[in-house]
């Protein structure tokens, strides 16, 4: 039994749901593919992605929390906003990795062949700052990077004009956490939502529930 469940939206969009409930979203272009978020790093996400595409990968963290960045070590490099670098390092520490393993054990989802010692040695991977990048080109698709500060100070969203799609992960979802020490103020978060709603998109994707949501839900 696979640690991940794969959800296919269409030929361009796939999602991989970690057994602990976090989602990684794959956008497939004609020349490259983009992976947003790497989940907990307990299952082999890269192996699952390669079942779908062999294109070169651009890997991005929507923010630095452990359920979105602990799989970074499985990839050559990962883009992240500078505001969340320290957060990613904290959530990829030995202490937080131990927490992830305990959560998987309690949920009875830890893979039989999982190597705990190797997992505990991993950290946040090679992080590349996204600050000076405004978009990623996948060939026939372009993903524009938008600030989505609120849930964390470095949360980002990705907008695909060609698909009229907004990918927001945890930044705008059914149960946004903005009470954390790494969150912004409510006032700043409201501005984030207002700015994203001004963009012309039809559907959006969140970080823990698979599938497309219509813009009016936002």
Foldseek 3Di string as FASTA:
>chain_A
DAQWDWDDPDLAWIWTAGVLFWIWIWGADPAEIEIEFQAQLQGLPVVVVVVNDPHHYAYEYLAQANRGFLNQQNDQEYEFAPQRPVVNQVCFALVNNVVVVVSCVVVVSRDPPGDSVVSSPDGRHHYDYCVPPQWDDNDVWIWGWAQLAFLANTGIWTATPVQLEIERALSDDDDRDRPDPRGDDPVVNVVSVVVVLVDRGAWYHYTRDDDTDGSVVD
